[in-house]
């Protein structure tokens, strides 16, 4: 699902500001038709989208590299 969200976000980022606004309004209207605030599936979708938006652009950042020598304890 994360790959799909990344693809959608990539495509949305190519839209003009007006088209993004129109898309947001369309999505809000569609969600209002059948949105159930207690739906586990809806919560998962929004959670994944939120995470994808928060992590967007971080793929190119260098992160720490860990090796087995960094482990204090191992379980087998």
N, C-alpha and C. Protein backbone atom coordinates (compact mmCIF):
# COMPACT_ATOMS: atom_id res chain seq x y z
N UNK A 1 0.82 -1.19 0.00
CA UNK A 1 0.00 0.00 0.00
C UNK A 1 0.86 1.26 0.00
N UNK A 2 2.05 1.18 0.65
CA UNK A 2 2.93 2.33 0.71
C UNK A 2 3.40 2.74 -0.69
N UNK A 3 3.66 1.75 -1.54
CA UNK A 3 4.09 2.04 -2.91
C UNK A 3 3.00 2.79 -3.66
N UNK A 4 1.76 2.36 -3.47
CA UNK A 4 0.63 3.02 -4.12
C UNK A 4 0.52 4.47 -3.65
N UNK A 5 0.66 4.68 -2.34
CA UNK A 5 0.58 6.04 -1.81
C UNK A 5 1.70 6.91 -2.37
N UNK A 6 2.91 6.35 -2.45
CA UNK A 6 4.03 7.10 -3.02
C UNK A 6 3.75 7.48 -4.46
N UNK A 7 3.18 6.56 -5.21
CA UNK A 7 2.87 6.82 -6.62
C UNK A 7 1.81 7.92 -6.72
N UNK A 8 0.77 7.82 -5.91
CA UNK A 8 -0.29 8.83 -5.93
C UNK A 8 0.27 10.19 -5.54
N UNK A 9 1.09 10.25 -4.49
CA UNK A 9 1.66 11.52 -4.06
C UNK A 9 2.57 12.11 -5.14
N UNK A 10 3.31 11.26 -5.83
CA UNK A 10 4.15 11.72 -6.92
C UNK A 10 3.34 12.34 -8.03
N UNK A 11 2.24 11.70 -8.37
CA UNK A 11 1.39 12.23 -9.43
C UNK A 11 0.70 13.52 -8.99
N UNK A 12 0.24 13.57 -7.76
CA UNK A 12 -0.43 14.76 -7.25
C UNK A 12 0.54 15.93 -7.21
N UNK A 13 1.79 15.69 -6.88
CA UNK A 13 2.77 16.77 -6.80
C UNK A 13 3.01 17.43 -8.15
N UNK A 14 2.69 16.73 -9.23
CA UNK A 14 2.86 17.28 -10.58
C UNK A 14 1.69 18.16 -11.00
N UNK A 15 0.60 18.13 -10.25
CA UNK A 15 -0.59 18.92 -10.60
C UNK A 15 -0.41 20.39 -10.23
N UNK A 16 -1.14 21.24 -10.91
CA UNK A 16 -1.14 22.66 -10.57
C UNK A 16 -1.87 22.84 -9.23
N UNK A 17 -1.69 23.99 -8.63
CA UNK A 17 -2.34 24.27 -7.34
C UNK A 17 -3.86 24.18 -7.49
N UNK A 18 -4.40 24.70 -8.58
CA UNK A 18 -5.85 24.65 -8.80
C UNK A 18 -6.33 23.21 -8.94
N UNK A 19 -5.57 22.38 -9.66
CA UNK A 19 -5.96 20.98 -9.83
C UNK A 19 -5.86 20.22 -8.52
N UNK A 20 -4.87 20.55 -7.70
CA UNK A 20 -4.75 19.91 -6.38
C UNK A 20 -5.96 20.26 -5.53
N UNK A 21 -6.36 21.52 -5.57
CA UNK A 21 -7.53 21.95 -4.80
C UNK A 21 -8.78 21.22 -5.27
N UNK A 22 -8.94 21.10 -6.58
CA UNK A 22 -10.10 20.40 -7.13
C UNK A 22 -10.08 18.93 -6.72
N UNK A 23 -8.91 18.33 -6.74
CA UNK A 23 -8.78 16.93 -6.33
C UNK A 23 -9.12 16.77 -4.85
N UNK A 24 -8.63 17.69 -4.02
CA UNK A 24 -8.94 17.63 -2.59
C UNK A 24 -10.44 17.76 -2.35
N UNK A 25 -11.09 18.66 -3.06
CA UNK A 25 -12.54 18.83 -2.90
C UNK A 25 -13.29 17.58 -3.35
N UNK A 26 -12.83 16.98 -4.45
CA UNK A 26 -13.45 15.76 -4.94
C UNK A 26 -13.31 14.64 -3.90
N UNK A 27 -12.11 14.48 -3.37
CA UNK A 27 -11.88 13.43 -2.38
C UNK A 27 -12.73 13.64 -1.13
N UNK A 28 -12.81 14.89 -0.68
CA UNK A 28 -13.63 15.18 0.49
C UNK A 28 -15.09 14.84 0.24
N UNK A 29 -15.58 15.16 -0.95
CA UNK A 29 -16.98 14.85 -1.29
C UNK A 29 -17.20 13.34 -1.33
N UNK A 30 -16.26 12.61 -1.92
CA UNK A 30 -16.39 11.16 -2.00
C UNK A 30 -16.33 10.52 -0.62
N UNK A 31 -15.43 11.00 0.22
CA UNK A 31 -15.32 10.45 1.57
C UNK A 31 -16.57 10.76 2.40
N UNK A 32 -17.16 11.92 2.17
CA UNK A 32 -18.35 12.30 2.93
C UNK A 32 -19.54 11.40 2.59
N UNK A 33 -19.54 10.82 1.43
CA UNK A 33 -20.65 9.94 1.01
C UNK A 33 -20.75 8.69 1.88
N UNK A 34 -19.62 8.11 2.23
CA UNK A 34 -19.68 6.85 2.95
C UNK A 34 -18.66 6.75 4.06
N UNK A 35 -18.25 7.87 4.61
CA UNK A 35 -17.22 7.85 5.64
C UNK A 35 -17.78 7.41 6.98
N UNK A 36 -17.14 6.44 7.55
CA UNK A 36 -17.49 5.94 8.88
C UNK A 36 -16.27 6.18 9.76
N UNK A 37 -16.38 7.09 10.70
CA UNK A 37 -15.22 7.49 11.49
C UNK A 37 -14.66 6.35 12.33
N UNK A 38 -15.42 5.30 12.55
CA UNK A 38 -14.95 4.18 13.34
C UNK A 38 -14.41 3.04 12.47
N UNK A 39 -14.39 3.21 11.18
CA UNK A 39 -13.95 2.17 10.27
C UNK A 39 -12.44 1.94 10.40
N UNK A 40 -12.05 0.73 10.68
CA UNK A 40 -10.63 0.39 10.81
C UNK A 40 -9.90 0.58 9.49
N UNK A 41 -10.56 0.25 8.39
CA UNK A 41 -9.93 0.41 7.08
C UNK A 41 -9.67 1.88 6.78
N UNK A 42 -10.63 2.74 7.09
CA UNK A 42 -10.44 4.18 6.87
C UNK A 42 -9.31 4.72 7.73
N UNK A 43 -9.27 4.29 8.99
CA UNK A 43 -8.20 4.75 9.88
C UNK A 43 -6.83 4.31 9.37
N UNK A 44 -6.74 3.09 8.85
CA UNK A 44 -5.48 2.60 8.31
C UNK A 44 -5.06 3.40 7.08
N UNK A 45 -6.00 3.69 6.21
CA UNK A 45 -5.70 4.48 5.00
C UNK A 45 -5.18 5.86 5.39
N UNK A 46 -5.88 6.53 6.28
CA UNK A 46 -5.45 7.86 6.68
C UNK A 46 -4.13 7.82 7.43
N UNK A 47 -3.92 6.80 8.23
CA UNK A 47 -2.65 6.65 8.95
C UNK A 47 -1.50 6.47 7.97
N UNK A 48 -1.69 5.60 6.98
CA UNK A 48 -0.64 5.37 5.98
C UNK A 48 -0.37 6.63 5.16
N UNK A 49 -1.42 7.34 4.80
CA UNK A 49 -1.24 8.56 4.03
C UNK A 49 -0.50 9.60 4.87
N UNK A 50 -0.85 9.71 6.12
CA UNK A 50 -0.19 10.66 7.01
C UNK A 50 1.30 10.33 7.13
N UNK A 51 1.61 9.06 7.31
CA UNK A 51 3.00 8.64 7.41
C UNK A 51 3.74 8.91 6.11
N UNK A 52 3.11 8.60 4.99
CA UNK A 52 3.74 8.84 3.69
C UNK A 52 4.03 10.33 3.50
N UNK A 53 3.09 11.18 3.89
CA UNK A 53 3.31 12.63 3.76
C UNK A 53 4.44 13.09 4.68
N UNK A 54 4.49 12.56 5.88
CA UNK A 54 5.54 12.95 6.82
C UNK A 54 6.93 12.50 6.36
N UNK A 55 6.99 11.35 5.71
CA UNK A 55 8.28 10.78 5.28
C UNK A 55 8.69 11.24 3.89
N UNK A 56 7.81 11.94 3.18
CA UNK A 56 8.09 12.34 1.81
C UNK A 56 9.37 13.18 1.75
N UNK A 57 10.25 12.82 0.83
CA UNK A 57 11.50 13.54 0.64
C UNK A 57 12.65 13.00 1.47
N UNK A 58 12.36 12.14 2.44
CA UNK A 58 13.40 11.62 3.32
C UNK A 58 14.15 10.45 2.71
N UNK A 59 13.62 9.89 1.60
CA UNK A 59 14.29 8.73 1.02
C UNK A 59 15.70 9.07 0.55
N UNK A 60 15.94 10.32 0.19
CA UNK A 60 17.26 10.70 -0.31
C UNK A 60 18.22 11.09 0.80
N UNK A 61 17.73 11.20 2.02
CA UNK A 61 18.61 11.56 3.14
C UNK A 61 19.44 10.35 3.57
N UNK A 62 20.67 10.64 3.96
CA UNK A 62 21.54 9.59 4.48
C UNK A 62 21.19 9.33 5.94
N UNK A 63 20.95 8.10 6.25
CA UNK A 63 20.63 7.73 7.62
C UNK A 63 21.80 7.00 8.25
N UNK A 64 21.68 6.70 9.51
CA UNK A 64 22.77 5.96 10.16
C UNK A 64 22.86 4.54 9.63
N UNK A 65 24.06 4.06 9.52
CA UNK A 65 24.30 2.68 9.08
C UNK A 65 24.67 1.87 10.32
N UNK A 66 23.95 0.82 10.57
CA UNK A 66 24.19 -0.02 11.73
C UNK A 66 24.73 -1.38 11.29
N UNK A 67 25.56 -1.96 12.14
CA UNK A 67 26.08 -3.30 11.88
C UNK A 67 25.84 -4.16 13.12
N UNK A 68 26.19 -5.43 13.03
CA UNK A 68 26.01 -6.34 14.16
C UNK A 68 26.81 -5.89 15.38
N UNK A 69 27.92 -5.19 15.17
CA UNK A 69 28.75 -4.73 16.30
C UNK A 69 28.04 -3.65 17.12
N UNK A 70 27.00 -3.03 16.57
CA UNK A 70 26.25 -2.02 17.31
C UNK A 70 25.25 -2.64 18.27
N UNK A 71 24.96 -3.93 18.12
CA UNK A 71 23.99 -4.60 18.98
C UNK A 71 24.58 -4.88 20.36
N UNK A 72 23.82 -4.57 21.39
CA UNK A 72 24.25 -4.87 22.75
C UNK A 72 23.80 -6.27 23.15
N UNK A 73 22.71 -6.73 22.57
CA UNK A 73 22.16 -8.02 22.90
C UNK A 73 21.55 -8.63 21.65
N UNK A 74 21.69 -9.91 21.46
CA UNK A 74 21.07 -10.57 20.31
C UNK A 74 20.26 -11.76 20.78
N UNK A 75 19.23 -12.06 20.05
CA UNK A 75 18.33 -13.17 20.38
C UNK A 75 18.31 -14.13 19.20
N UNK A 76 18.44 -15.41 19.49
CA UNK A 76 18.36 -16.38 18.40
C UNK A 76 17.40 -17.47 18.72
